[in-house]
């Protein structure tokens, strides 16, 4: 047998594996929480609202009926686009905030950004 070769896993290695398993469990829980989150963004002074989940799925778009009598199609499209983009940005921020602790931990293991 080669000098210094140990066939048994070290206690530190086993501890690291349990830490990684715990981290994976916590990440899965955080991802479930993110999926349950919703954000709503508005545009046109509240005439349009868009609701998006933490998984960035659009669940609702509401348009004030009075807006439809006074706006052209291009302006309506611009307001919808603004509301959707704002909601997506808010959704991404929620995800980044909830996942930040895991990103920094993973970078400590050489796996993060």
C-alpha atoms as a PDB file:
ATOM      1  CA  UNK A   1       0.000   0.000   0.000  1.00  0.00           C
ATOM      2  CA  UNK A   2       1.286   3.470  -0.882  1.00  0.00           C
ATOM      3  CA  UNK A   3       2.554   5.553   1.958  1.00  0.00           C
ATOM      4  CA  UNK A   4      -0.097   7.977   3.280  1.00  0.00           C
ATOM      5  CA  UNK A   5      -2.941   6.245   1.407  1.00  0.00           C
ATOM      6  CA  UNK A   6      -6.039   5.794   3.525  1.00  0.00           C
ATOM      7  CA  UNK A   7      -8.898   3.618   2.247  1.00  0.00           C
ATOM      8  CA  UNK A   8     -11.412   4.920   4.801  1.00  0.00           C
ATOM      9  CA  UNK A   9     -13.186   8.226   4.082  1.00  0.00           C
ATOM     10  CA  UNK A  10     -12.101  10.954   6.413  1.00  0.00           C
ATOM     11  CA  UNK A  11     -14.476  12.336   9.001  1.00  0.00           C
ATOM     12  CA  UNK A  12     -14.051  15.797   7.498  1.00  0.00           C
ATOM     13  CA  UNK A  13     -15.064  14.481   4.061  1.00  0.00           C
ATOM     14  CA  UNK A  14     -18.146  12.806   5.519  1.00  0.00           C
ATOM     15  CA  UNK A  15     -19.042  15.988   7.348  1.00  0.00           C
ATOM     16  CA  UNK A  16     -18.698  17.980   4.128  1.00  0.00           C
ATOM     17  CA  UNK A  17     -21.032  15.571   2.339  1.00  0.00           C
ATOM     18  CA  UNK A  18     -23.664  15.957   5.058  1.00  0.00           C
ATOM     19  CA  UNK A  19     -23.294  19.739   4.822  1.00  0.00           C
ATOM     20  CA  UNK A  20     -23.810  19.573   1.049  1.00  0.00           C
ATOM     21  CA  UNK A  21     -26.887  17.351   1.501  1.00  0.00           C
ATOM     22  CA  UNK A  22     -28.310  19.810   4.041  1.00  0.00           C
ATOM     23  CA  UNK A  23     -27.541  22.684   1.677  1.00  0.00           C
ATOM     24  CA  UNK A  24     -29.369  20.909  -1.166  1.00  0.00           C
ATOM     25  CA  UNK A  25     -32.391  20.410   1.068  1.00  0.00           C
ATOM     26  CA  UNK A  26     -32.404  24.075   2.075  1.00  0.00           C
ATOM     27  CA  UNK A  27     -32.049  25.143  -1.573  1.00  0.00           C
ATOM     28  CA  UNK A  28     -35.015  22.987  -2.574  1.00  0.00           C
ATOM     29  CA  UNK A  29     -37.082  24.561   0.196  1.00  0.00           C
ATOM     30  CA  UNK A  30     -36.045  28.064  -0.931  1.00  0.00           C
ATOM     31  CA  UNK A  31     -37.002  27.230  -4.522  1.00  0.00           C
ATOM     32  CA  UNK A  32     -40.434  26.067  -3.345  1.00  0.00           C
ATOM     33  CA  UNK A  33     -40.866  29.346  -1.461  1.00  0.00           C
ATOM     34  CA  UNK A  34     -39.826  31.308  -4.546  1.00  0.00           C
ATOM     35  CA  UNK A  35     -42.390  29.452  -6.656  1.00  0.00           C
ATOM     36  CA  UNK A  36     -45.158  30.472  -4.222  1.00  0.00           C
ATOM     37  CA  UNK A  37     -44.211  34.170  -4.303  1.00  0.00           C
ATOM     38  CA  UNK A  38     -46.082  36.541  -6.577  1.00  0.00           C
ATOM     39  CA  UNK A  39     -45.353  40.099  -7.618  1.00  0.00           C
ATOM     40  CA  UNK A  40     -47.642  42.603  -9.284  1.00  0.00           C
ATOM     41  CA  UNK A  41     -46.397  45.524 -11.324  1.00  0.00           C
ATOM     42  CA  UNK A  42     -48.453  48.307 -12.845  1.00  0.00           C
ATOM     43  CA  UNK A  43     -48.125  50.856 -15.586  1.00  0.00           C
ATOM     44  CA  UNK A  44     -50.234  53.652 -16.985  1.00  0.00           C
ATOM     45  CA  UNK A  45     -50.918  54.997 -13.521  1.00  0.00           C
ATOM     46  CA  UNK A  46     -52.330  51.658 -12.415  1.00  0.00           C
ATOM     47  CA  UNK A  47     -54.494  51.147 -15.493  1.00  0.00           C
ATOM     48  CA  UNK A  48     -52.579  47.945 -16.288  1.00  0.00           C
ATOM     49  CA  UNK A  49     -51.379  45.392 -13.766  1.00  0.00           C
ATOM     50  CA  UNK A  50     -49.391  42.219 -14.366  1.00  0.00           C
ATOM     51  CA  UNK A  51     -48.920  39.457 -11.792  1.00  0.00           C
ATOM     52  CA  UNK A  52     -46.001  37.044 -12.075  1.00  0.00           C
ATOM     53  CA  UNK A  53     -44.828  34.185  -9.847  1.00  0.00           C
ATOM     54  CA  UNK A  54     -41.341  33.726  -8.478  1.00  0.00           C
ATOM     55  CA  UNK A  55     -40.891  31.151 -11.240  1.00  0.00           C
ATOM     56  CA  UNK A  56     -41.576  33.968 -13.704  1.00  0.00           C
ATOM     57  CA  UNK A  57     -44.904  32.654 -14.912  1.00  0.00           C
ATOM     58  CA  UNK A  58     -47.491  35.301 -15.706  1.00  0.00           C
ATOM     59  CA  UNK A  59     -50.686  34.528 -13.799  1.00  0.00           C
ATOM     60  CA  UNK A  60     -52.782  37.633 -14.479  1.00  0.00           C
ATOM     61  CA  UNK A  61     -53.021  40.725 -16.638  1.00  0.00           C
ATOM     62  CA  UNK A  62     -55.659  43.287 -15.769  1.00  0.00           C
ATOM     63  CA  UNK A  63     -56.563  46.258 -17.934  1.00  0.00           C
ATOM     64  CA  UNK A  64     -58.875  49.028 -16.741  1.00  0.00           C
ATOM     65  CA  UNK A  65     -61.755  49.021 -19.267  1.00  0.00           C
ATOM     66  CA  UNK A  66     -61.759  52.834 -19.350  1.00  0.00           C
ATOM     67  CA  UNK A  67     -58.224  52.739 -20.704  1.00  0.00           C
ATOM     68  CA  UNK A  68     -59.441  50.946 -23.823  1.00  0.00           C
ATOM     69  CA  UNK A  69     -61.580  53.906 -24.868  1.00  0.00           C
ATOM     70  CA  UNK A  70     -58.705  56.400 -24.748  1.00  0.00           C
ATOM     71  CA  UNK A  71     -55.593  54.538 -25.899  1.00  0.00           C
ATOM     72  CA  UNK A  72     -54.273  53.306 -29.234  1.00  0.00           C
ATOM     73  CA  UNK A  73     -52.875  49.809 -29.767  1.00  0.00           C
ATOM     74  CA  UNK A  74     -49.233  50.952 -29.773  1.00  0.00           C
ATOM     75  CA  UNK A  75     -49.563  52.776 -26.461  1.00  0.00           C
ATOM     76  CA  UNK A  76     -51.401  49.804 -24.932  1.00  0.00           C
ATOM     77  CA  UNK A  77     -48.606  47.511 -26.084  1.00  0.00           C
ATOM     78  CA  UNK A  78     -45.979  49.817 -24.580  1.00  0.00           C
ATOM     79  CA  UNK A  79     -47.795  49.930 -21.241  1.00  0.00           C
ATOM     80  CA  UNK A  80     -48.200  46.138 -21.192  1.00  0.00           C
ATOM     81  CA  UNK A  81     -44.529  45.702 -22.009  1.00  0.00           C
ATOM     82  CA  UNK A  82     -43.512  48.072 -19.212  1.00  0.00           C
ATOM     83  CA  UNK A  83     -45.687  46.278 -16.656  1.00  0.00           C
ATOM     84  CA  UNK A  84     -44.451  42.812 -17.701  1.00  0.00           C
ATOM     85  CA  UNK A  85     -40.797  43.868 -17.619  1.00  0.00           C
ATOM     86  CA  UNK A  86     -41.220  45.494 -14.188  1.00  0.00           C
ATOM     87  CA  UNK A  87     -42.904  42.366 -12.822  1.00  0.00           C
ATOM     88  CA  UNK A  88     -40.175  40.126 -14.255  1.00  0.00           C
ATOM     89  CA  UNK A  89     -37.477  42.296 -12.696  1.00  0.00           C
ATOM     90  CA  UNK A  90     -39.206  42.133  -9.293  1.00  0.00           C
ATOM     91  CA  UNK A  91     -39.537  38.361  -9.632  1.00  0.00           C
ATOM     92  CA  UNK A  92     -35.831  38.006 -10.439  1.00  0.00           C
ATOM     93  CA  UNK A  93     -34.912  40.125  -7.406  1.00  0.00           C
ATOM     94  CA  UNK A  94     -36.956  37.877  -5.109  1.00  0.00           C
ATOM     95  CA  UNK A  95     -35.206  34.827  -6.504  1.00  0.00           C
ATOM     96  CA  UNK A  96     -31.754  36.403  -6.212  1.00  0.00           C
ATOM     97  CA  UNK A  97     -32.406  37.480  -2.606  1.00  0.00           C
ATOM     98  CA  UNK A  98     -33.634  34.047  -1.520  1.00  0.00           C
ATOM     99  CA  UNK A  99     -30.836  32.205  -3.325  1.00  0.00           C
ATOM    100  CA  UNK A 100     -27.984  34.586  -2.384  1.00  0.00           C
ATOM    101  CA  UNK A 101     -26.961  32.682   0.756  1.00  0.00           C
ATOM    102  CA  UNK A 102     -26.666  29.476  -1.258  1.00  0.00           C
ATOM    103  CA  UNK A 103     -24.723  31.137  -4.048  1.00  0.00           C
ATOM    104  CA  UNK A 104     -22.151  32.436  -1.580  1.00  0.00           C
ATOM    105  CA  UNK A 105     -21.927  29.032   0.161  1.00  0.00           C
ATOM    106  CA  UNK A 106     -21.452  27.236  -3.144  1.00  0.00           C
ATOM    107  CA  UNK A 107     -18.738  29.649  -4.183  1.00  0.00           C
ATOM    108  CA  UNK A 108     -16.943  28.646  -0.993  1.00  0.00           C
ATOM    109  CA  UNK A 109     -16.985  25.073  -2.307  1.00  0.00           C
ATOM    110  CA  UNK A 110     -15.697  26.300  -5.679  1.00  0.00           C
ATOM    111  CA  UNK A 111     -19.080  25.748  -7.365  1.00  0.00           C
ATOM    112  CA  UNK A 112     -20.596  29.242  -7.436  1.00  0.00           C
ATOM    113  CA  UNK A 113     -20.027  32.229  -9.637  1.00  0.00           C
END
